[in-house]
Amino acid sequence: MQLSTRAVHVSNPPLPSGSHPLSVPLVQSSAFAFSSADALAEAMAGPDGQYVYGRRGNPTVRALEQTLAGLEGGAGAIAFASGMGAISGVLLALLKPGDRVVAQRCLYGGTYAVLSDLAARYGIRVTYISGDDVEEFERAAAHPATRLLVLETIANPTGQVPDLPGLLAAARFLGVTSVVDNSLASPVLCRPVELGADVVVHSTTKYLAGHSDVLGGAAVFADDALRRAVWPRTVELGACADPFAAWLTLRGIATLPLRMREHCLNAAVLAQRLAARSEVRGDVTAVHHPSLPGHPSYETARKVLSGGGGLLSFELAGGREAGRAFIERVRVARLALSLGGVESLVTHPASTSHRELDGDALAAAGIAPGLVRMSVGIEAVEDLWGDIEQALERAVARPGGRTPERPLD
């Protein structure tokens, strides 16, 4: 079945009566009772036994895990309480003091913060690479202590698409476990397991759930043996998924392909119009979306992705001050930190999601002081464009020092 069909027909085990509920039942119980001590002990044998305690497994959560593994083409999955729970759980389970990590230079700020913390507290060395050069990765991974390669399918917030086929093949050849954050692409646009990834992580809060009402994360594993090795560490960490959040995520997944189509179409239209505006107006100095022919990842994106994604970023003349002014002046889009929901959201990464990075690290990641990140929703594109235009008029001074036509409020 195609992905749009699999997204509707999610994993849903039949009831003991043999009937099959159309909606996955929500099992909210935190613990499960047994008739004997032997039965309880047997149930605790592993990740796929009977249900014992919510932190170790839950029927609704397992339905989500099986659904995500099926959508990504993995052997199994572990659901977490948040995307950062998934990232932290996988890194803590797979790394030990003295190990080395090679990571893409432009990463989500939270991932960068976790890697920095691991480096400072546990002596784990992190080497950052562009993500475009396989030989650069091979040089960085030459040390025998190199354990992980960390990438993002679509980098947040620049839209960079790394050379996943080349990097993942090189990692497998060198015996380096690869972890790819696929939150911004979702399985609709890319399935990294099919390209050679060992672990795919998601903030299910984003496109998978898609309605800004869920906090969740997941890790999908190409090899079930790796999932079984990671699972005990995640149980100890305690970042388990909430059953109601899992149920809401399953509900959102049913419309994921439809929503992703609209996200991608709207973002591509806005990117094209902003690029055209930058050539004649001067208030927008750069536009970042992999659907644009001038984007550095344009050719790679055409090979790796089935769409450009819903994340759009653009740089404003006037730097940090203009970026902050813009996000306060939108009217249709909302000023909020998240992304991937049906509504459009804007942020200023340098002062919010990537505030952990100093000036040098921001520059190395390609994040300019005046860069605005927009998670493009599924609203009418003309309404979104009108909102962007009025915010630009009111927030960014004209080239040559002229002030906006309308006063700043």
Protein backbone atom coordinates (compact mmCIF):
# COMPACT_ATOMS: atom_id res chain seq x y z
CA MET A 1 0.00 0.00 0.00
CA GLN A 2 1.09 3.56 -0.63
CA LEU A 3 1.95 5.76 2.32
CA SER A 4 -1.27 7.79 2.14
CA THR A 5 -3.21 4.53 2.58
CA ARG A 6 -0.97 3.26 5.39
CA ALA A 7 -1.37 6.56 7.23
CA VAL A 8 -5.15 6.02 7.38
CA HIS A 9 -5.03 2.31 8.20
CA VAL A 10 -2.82 2.52 11.27
CA SER A 11 -1.68 -0.39 13.39
CA ASN A 12 -4.73 -1.45 15.40
CA PRO A 13 -4.87 -4.92 17.00
CA PRO A 14 -8.31 -6.60 17.17
CA LEU A 15 -10.24 -6.86 20.41
CA PRO A 16 -10.56 -10.26 22.16
CA SER A 17 -14.06 -10.52 20.67
CA GLY A 18 -12.54 -10.51 17.20
CA SER A 19 -14.06 -7.17 16.22
CA HIS A 20 -11.78 -4.43 14.96
CA PRO A 21 -12.38 -0.85 16.20
CA LEU A 22 -11.92 1.82 13.54
CA SER A 23 -10.23 4.11 16.06
CA VAL A 24 -7.33 2.82 18.18
CA PRO A 25 -8.64 2.44 21.75
CA LEU A 26 -7.18 4.81 24.32
CA VAL A 27 -5.82 2.76 27.22
CA GLN A 28 -5.07 5.30 29.94
CA SER A 29 -4.16 2.86 32.72
CA SER A 30 -0.75 3.39 34.33
CA ALA A 31 -0.44 -0.27 35.48
CA PHE A 32 -1.79 -3.71 34.64
CA ALA A 33 -2.81 -6.49 37.05
CA PHE A 34 -1.77 -10.16 36.91
CA SER A 35 -3.10 -13.36 38.40
CA SER A 36 0.28 -14.72 39.54
CA ALA A 37 3.85 -13.69 40.34
CA ASP A 38 5.16 -15.96 37.57
CA ALA A 39 2.91 -14.27 34.99
CA LEU A 40 4.11 -10.84 36.10
CA ALA A 41 7.78 -11.89 35.95
CA GLU A 42 7.33 -13.35 32.46
CA ALA A 43 5.61 -10.17 31.25
CA MET A 44 8.66 -8.10 32.27
CA ALA A 45 11.03 -10.05 30.02
CA GLY A 46 11.41 -7.47 27.25
CA PRO A 47 9.99 -4.61 25.21
CA ASP A 48 7.36 -6.70 23.41
CA GLY A 49 5.89 -8.75 26.24
CA GLN A 50 2.62 -8.19 28.04
CA TYR A 51 1.89 -4.79 29.52
CA VAL A 52 3.06 -4.29 33.10
CA TYR A 53 3.59 -0.61 33.84
CA GLY A 54 3.06 2.46 31.69
CA ARG A 55 6.73 3.36 31.55
CA ARG A 56 7.49 -0.06 30.03
CA GLY A 57 4.69 -0.13 27.48
CA ASN A 58 1.05 0.59 26.75
CA PRO A 59 -1.35 -0.74 24.06
CA THR A 60 -2.08 2.71 22.60
CA VAL A 61 1.58 3.68 22.64
CA ARG A 62 2.54 0.41 21.00
CA ALA A 63 0.02 1.03 18.23
CA LEU A 64 1.77 4.35 17.56
CA GLU A 65 5.20 2.68 17.61
CA GLN A 66 4.13 0.01 15.14
CA THR A 67 2.49 2.62 12.90
CA LEU A 68 5.60 4.82 12.83
CA ALA A 69 7.86 1.85 12.14
CA GLY A 70 5.62 0.93 9.22
CA LEU A 71 5.55 4.46 7.78
CA GLU A 72 9.33 4.86 8.02
CA GLY A 73 10.12 1.35 6.83
CA GLY A 74 11.83 0.42 10.11
CA ALA A 75 11.91 -2.80 12.11
CA GLY A 76 10.54 -1.21 15.28
CA ALA A 77 10.12 2.03 17.20
CA ILE A 78 10.13 3.53 20.68
CA ALA A 79 7.77 6.40 21.52
CA PHE A 80 8.89 9.17 23.87
CA ALA A 81 7.35 12.03 25.81
CA SER A 82 8.90 14.64 23.49
CA GLY A 83 11.23 15.04 20.55
CA MET A 84 14.04 16.03 22.91
CA GLY A 85 13.25 12.92 24.94
CA ALA A 86 13.81 10.85 21.80
CA ILE A 87 17.06 12.62 20.91
CA SER A 88 18.42 12.52 24.47
CA GLY A 89 17.31 8.93 25.00
CA VAL A 90 19.01 7.68 21.84
CA LEU A 91 22.24 9.63 22.45
CA LEU A 92 22.50 8.59 26.10
CA ALA A 93 21.81 4.96 25.21
CA LEU A 94 24.37 4.77 22.41
CA LEU A 95 27.23 6.90 23.80
CA LYS A 96 29.68 6.51 26.65
CA PRO A 97 32.45 8.76 28.01
CA GLY A 98 35.30 9.16 25.53
CA ASP A 99 33.21 8.45 22.43
CA ARG A 100 33.19 10.77 19.44
CA VAL A 101 30.27 12.13 17.45
CA VAL A 102 30.20 13.68 13.99
CA ALA A 103 27.25 16.04 13.54
CA GLN A 104 25.83 18.27 10.86
CA ARG A 105 26.77 21.89 11.57
CA CYS A 106 23.28 23.30 11.14
CA LEU A 107 21.15 21.49 13.72
CA TYR A 108 18.09 22.20 15.82
CA GLY A 109 19.21 24.27 18.81
CA GLY A 110 18.06 21.66 21.33
CA THR A 111 20.15 18.95 19.68
CA TYR A 112 23.15 21.26 19.65
CA ALA A 113 22.60 21.94 23.37
CA VAL A 114 22.47 18.22 24.22
CA LEU A 115 25.65 17.50 22.27
CA SER A 116 27.40 20.43 23.96
CA ASP A 117 26.31 19.18 27.38
CA LEU A 118 27.52 15.64 26.65
CA ALA A 119 30.85 17.04 25.49
CA ALA A 120 31.29 19.15 28.62
CA ARG A 121 30.13 16.58 31.20
CA TYR A 122 31.23 13.24 29.75
CA GLY A 123 34.20 14.01 27.56
CA ILE A 124 32.35 13.13 24.37
CA ARG A 125 34.01 14.95 21.50
CA VAL A 126 31.74 16.42 18.81
CA THR A 127 33.05 17.34 15.36
CA TYR A 128 30.78 19.41 13.14
CA ILE A 129 30.68 19.01 9.36
CA SER A 130 28.87 20.74 6.52
CA GLY A 131 26.75 17.72 5.58
CA ASP A 132 27.51 18.22 1.89
CA ASP A 133 30.92 16.55 1.66
CA VAL A 134 31.33 12.80 2.18
CA GLU A 135 35.12 13.05 2.30
CA GLU A 136 34.88 15.66 5.06
CA PHE A 137 32.81 13.18 7.09
CA GLU A 138 35.25 10.35 6.42
CA ARG A 139 38.13 12.49 7.73
CA ALA A 140 36.14 13.48 10.82
CA ALA A 141 35.10 9.87 11.48
CA ALA A 142 38.58 8.38 11.03
CA HIS A 143 39.20 8.18 14.79
CA PRO A 144 38.37 4.67 16.11
CA ALA A 145 36.26 6.14 18.96
CA THR A 146 33.73 7.64 16.51
CA ARG A 147 30.35 6.13 17.35
CA LEU A 148 27.60 8.32 15.89
CA LEU A 149 26.73 10.45 12.88
CA VAL A 150 23.92 12.93 13.61
CA LEU A 151 22.02 14.55 10.72
CA GLU A 152 18.73 16.29 9.94
CA THR A 153 16.80 15.51 6.77
CA ILE A 154 15.92 19.19 6.43
CA ALA A 155 18.05 21.38 8.68
CA ASN A 156 16.31 23.76 11.05
CA PRO A 157 16.12 26.65 10.17
CA THR A 158 18.16 27.01 6.95
CA GLY A 159 16.47 24.26 4.93
CA GLN A 160 19.78 22.56 4.16
CA VAL A 161 19.37 19.00 2.88
CA PRO A 162 22.52 16.94 3.53
CA ASP A 163 23.84 14.29 1.19
CA LEU A 164 22.00 11.51 2.98
CA PRO A 165 22.74 8.69 0.49
CA GLY A 166 26.48 9.43 0.46
CA LEU A 167 26.90 10.13 4.17
CA LEU A 168 24.82 7.17 5.33
CA ALA A 169 26.65 4.78 3.01
CA ALA A 170 29.99 6.04 4.31
CA ALA A 171 28.83 5.71 7.92
CA ARG A 172 27.75 2.13 7.38
CA PHE A 173 31.07 1.31 5.71
CA LEU A 174 32.98 2.77 8.67
CA GLY A 175 30.78 1.07 11.27
CA VAL A 176 29.39 4.38 12.58
CA THR A 177 25.77 4.34 13.73
CA SER A 178 23.71 7.01 11.96
CA VAL A 179 20.91 9.02 13.59
CA VAL A 180 18.72 11.19 11.33
CA ASP A 181 16.13 13.67 12.63
CA ASN A 182 13.28 13.43 10.13
CA SER A 183 10.86 15.76 11.95
CA LEU A 184 10.78 18.46 9.27
CA ALA A 185 10.34 16.10 6.33
CA SER A 186 8.14 13.40 7.87
CA PRO A 187 7.89 10.00 6.17
CA VAL A 188 5.83 11.67 3.43
CA LEU A 189 8.84 13.53 2.01
CA CYS A 190 11.70 11.20 3.02
CA ARG A 191 12.27 7.84 4.67
CA PRO A 192 15.92 7.84 5.82
CA VAL A 193 15.86 4.12 6.72
CA GLU A 194 15.46 3.39 3.01
CA LEU A 195 18.60 5.49 2.40
CA GLY A 196 20.65 3.60 5.00
CA ALA A 197 19.95 5.30 8.35
CA ASP A 198 20.18 3.20 11.51
CA VAL A 199 17.93 5.38 13.67
CA VAL A 200 15.33 7.96 12.66
CA VAL A 201 14.09 10.34 15.34
CA HIS A 202 10.99 12.51 15.31
CA SER A 203 9.40 15.22 17.31
CA THR A 204 5.91 13.85 16.79
CA THR A 205 4.70 17.20 18.12
CA LYS A 206 5.42 18.61 14.67
CA TYR A 207 4.01 17.36 11.36
CA LEU A 208 3.08 13.85 12.50
CA ALA A 209 0.51 15.07 15.04
CA GLY A 210 0.13 18.36 13.21
CA HIS A 211 -2.41 20.27 15.32
CA SER A 212 -0.34 21.95 18.08
CA ASP A 213 -2.04 19.90 20.79
CA VAL A 214 0.48 17.09 21.38
CA LEU A 215 3.92 16.80 22.93
CA GLY A 216 5.72 13.65 21.82
CA GLY A 217 8.73 12.04 20.18
CA ALA A 218 9.81 8.76 18.64
CA ALA A 219 12.82 6.81 17.47
CA VAL A 220 12.49 4.30 14.61
CA PHE A 221 15.17 1.62 14.20
CA ALA A 222 16.27 -0.11 11.02
CA ASP A 223 17.48 -3.11 13.05
CA ASP A 224 15.28 -4.47 15.81
CA ALA A 225 18.34 -5.65 17.75
CA LEU A 226 19.37 -2.00 18.13
CA ARG A 227 15.88 -1.10 19.37
CA ARG A 228 16.09 -3.84 22.00
CA ALA A 229 19.49 -2.57 23.10
CA VAL A 230 18.23 1.01 23.43
CA TRP A 231 14.88 0.19 25.08
CA PRO A 232 16.14 -0.58 28.64
CA ARG A 233 17.99 2.75 28.75
CA THR A 234 14.85 4.62 27.74
CA VAL A 235 12.84 2.86 30.44
CA GLU A 236 15.43 4.00 32.99
CA LEU A 237 15.36 7.54 31.59
CA GLY A 238 11.60 7.66 32.09
CA ALA A 239 10.80 9.77 29.02
CA CYS A 240 7.93 7.45 28.04
CA ALA A 241 5.07 8.51 25.80
CA ASP A 242 1.72 9.42 27.30
CA PRO A 243 -1.14 7.22 25.97
CA PHE A 244 -3.43 10.18 25.24
CA ALA A 245 -0.65 11.97 23.37
CA ALA A 246 -0.04 8.75 21.40
CA TRP A 247 -3.75 8.52 20.60
CA LEU A 248 -3.86 12.13 19.37
CA THR A 249 -0.75 11.53 17.26
CA LEU A 250 -2.36 8.51 15.61
CA ARG A 251 -5.38 10.68 14.88
CA GLY A 252 -3.16 13.30 13.27
CA ILE A 253 -1.20 10.79 11.18
CA ALA A 254 -4.33 9.90 9.20
CA THR A 255 -4.26 13.29 7.47
CA LEU A 256 -0.46 13.67 7.35
CA PRO A 257 -0.07 13.20 3.56
CA LEU A 258 -2.85 15.72 2.84
CA ARG A 259 -1.41 18.29 5.22
CA MET A 260 2.15 17.88 3.98
CA ARG A 261 1.00 18.55 0.42
CA GLU A 262 -0.51 21.88 1.46
CA HIS A 263 2.45 22.82 3.67
CA CYS A 264 4.84 22.22 0.78
CA LEU A 265 2.74 24.04 -1.82
CA ASN A 266 2.22 27.11 0.37
CA ALA A 267 5.86 27.29 1.41
CA ALA A 268 7.06 27.01 -2.19
CA VAL A 269 4.75 29.83 -3.33
CA LEU A 270 5.83 32.12 -0.49
CA ALA A 271 9.51 31.31 -1.10
CA GLN A 272 9.19 32.22 -4.78
CA ARG A 273 7.44 35.50 -4.01
CA LEU A 274 9.96 36.46 -1.32
CA ALA A 275 12.83 35.67 -3.68
CA ALA A 276 11.25 37.89 -6.34
CA ARG A 277 10.71 40.66 -3.78
CA SER A 278 14.34 40.47 -2.65
CA GLU A 279 15.46 41.34 -6.16
CA VAL A 280 13.46 44.56 -6.36
CA ARG A 281 12.72 45.83 -2.85
CA GLY A 282 15.84 45.15 -0.78
CA ASP A 283 14.06 44.52 2.54
CA VAL A 284 14.52 40.74 2.13
CA THR A 285 18.18 39.88 1.54
CA ALA A 286 18.04 36.08 1.27
CA VAL A 287 15.41 33.32 1.12
CA HIS A 288 15.99 29.73 2.24
CA HIS A 289 13.79 26.91 0.94
CA PRO A 290 15.08 23.81 -0.86
CA SER A 291 12.48 24.20 -3.63
CA LEU A 292 14.25 27.35 -4.89
CA PRO A 293 16.74 26.70 -7.74
CA GLY A 294 19.23 29.06 -6.07
CA HIS A 295 19.21 27.18 -2.76
CA PRO A 296 22.53 25.35 -2.07
CA SER A 297 20.62 22.09 -1.45
CA TYR A 298 18.32 22.35 -4.46
CA GLU A 299 19.82 19.46 -6.44
CA THR A 300 20.23 17.27 -3.36
CA ALA A 301 16.64 17.94 -2.30
CA ARG A 302 15.37 16.85 -5.70
CA LYS A 303 17.09 13.49 -5.19
CA VAL A 304 16.28 12.97 -1.50
CA LEU A 305 12.88 14.63 -0.92
CA SER A 306 9.49 14.36 -2.61
CA GLY A 307 8.73 18.00 -1.66
CA GLY A 308 10.46 21.06 -0.25
CA GLY A 309 8.79 20.93 3.15
CA GLY A 310 6.81 23.50 5.09
CA LEU A 311 9.70 25.30 6.81
CA LEU A 312 10.71 28.59 5.22
CA SER A 313 13.30 31.10 6.43
CA PHE A 314 14.38 34.47 5.11
CA GLU A 315 16.84 37.16 6.10
CA LEU A 316 15.83 40.78 6.58
CA ALA A 317 17.77 43.97 6.00
CA GLY A 318 18.28 45.57 9.38
CA GLY A 319 19.52 42.42 11.14
CA ARG A 320 18.35 41.30 14.58
CA GLU A 321 16.19 44.37 15.20
CA ALA A 322 14.29 43.90 11.94
CA GLY A 323 13.82 40.18 12.55
CA ARG A 324 12.34 40.74 15.99
CA ALA A 325 10.14 43.58 14.68
CA PHE A 326 8.79 41.40 11.87
CA ILE A 327 7.65 38.53 14.11
CA GLU A 328 5.76 41.00 16.32
CA ARG A 329 3.88 42.50 13.35
CA VAL A 330 2.39 39.46 11.65
CA ARG A 331 -1.37 39.09 12.02
CA VAL A 332 -2.33 35.78 10.39
CA ALA A 333 0.80 33.89 11.42
CA ARG A 334 1.39 33.49 15.14
CA LEU A 335 4.54 34.15 17.14
CA ALA A 336 5.31 30.77 18.70
CA LEU A 337 8.27 28.44 19.07
CA SER A 338 6.92 25.25 17.55
CA LEU A 339 6.40 24.21 13.92
CA GLY A 340 4.54 21.68 11.82
CA GLY A 341 1.00 22.57 12.87
CA VAL A 342 -1.88 23.52 10.60
CA GLU A 343 -1.42 27.20 11.53
CA SER A 344 1.53 29.32 10.38
CA LEU A 345 4.07 30.29 13.04
CA VAL A 346 7.04 32.67 13.01
CA THR A 347 10.11 32.92 15.23
CA HIS A 348 13.47 34.67 15.31
CA PRO A 349 15.96 31.77 15.75
CA ALA A 350 18.91 33.86 16.93
CA SER A 351 16.97 34.93 20.02
CA THR A 352 14.74 31.87 20.54
CA SER A 353 15.29 28.31 19.24
CA HIS A 354 19.05 28.80 18.66
CA ARG A 355 19.79 31.16 21.52
CA GLU A 356 22.26 28.61 22.93
CA LEU A 357 24.62 29.37 20.03
CA ASP A 358 27.06 32.25 20.23
CA GLY A 359 27.74 34.56 17.28
CA ASP A 360 30.43 32.35 15.78
CA ALA A 361 28.31 29.21 16.06
CA LEU A 362 25.32 30.99 14.51
CA ALA A 363 27.45 32.16 11.60
CA ALA A 364 28.91 28.68 11.12
CA ALA A 365 25.39 27.23 11.02
CA GLY A 366 24.31 29.82 8.44
CA ILE A 367 21.89 31.60 10.78
CA ALA A 368 22.05 35.36 10.16
CA PRO A 369 21.03 37.86 12.88
CA GLY A 370 18.05 38.98 10.81
CA LEU A 371 16.83 35.51 9.86
CA VAL A 372 13.14 34.78 10.41
CA ARG A 373 11.82 31.22 10.48
CA MET A 374 8.30 30.58 9.28
CA SER A 375 6.48 27.30 9.71
CA VAL A 376 4.05 27.63 6.83
CA GLY A 377 0.58 26.33 7.64
CA ILE A 378 -2.33 25.27 5.48
CA GLU A 379 -4.14 28.62 5.39
CA ALA A 380 -5.01 30.28 2.07
CA VAL A 381 -1.68 31.27 0.55
CA GLU A 382 -2.91 34.74 -0.46
CA ASP A 383 -3.77 35.50 3.17
CA LEU A 384 -0.29 34.42 4.23
CA TRP A 385 1.38 36.50 1.52
CA GLY A 386 -0.63 39.56 2.46
CA ASP A 387 0.38 39.08 6.08
CA ILE A 388 4.07 38.84 5.16
CA GLU A 389 3.88 41.95 3.00
CA GLN A 390 2.23 44.11 5.64
CA ALA A 391 4.69 42.92 8.31
CA LEU A 392 7.64 43.71 6.05
CA GLU A 393 6.29 47.17 5.29
CA ARG A 394 5.95 47.97 8.97
CA ALA A 395 9.09 46.31 10.31
CA VAL A 396 11.93 46.84 7.83
CA ALA A 397 13.39 50.20 6.84
CA ARG A 398 13.90 50.92 3.17
CA PRO A 399 17.42 50.66 1.73
CA GLY A 400 19.24 53.97 2.17
CA GLY A 401 17.78 54.60 5.61
CA ARG A 402 14.19 55.53 4.70
CA THR A 403 11.69 54.50 7.36
CA PRO A 404 8.68 52.23 6.77
CA GLU A 405 5.61 53.84 5.26
CA ARG A 406 3.52 52.96 8.30
CA PRO A 407 4.72 53.72 11.83
CA LEU A 408 5.90 50.93 14.09
CA ASP A 409 3.44 50.24 16.89
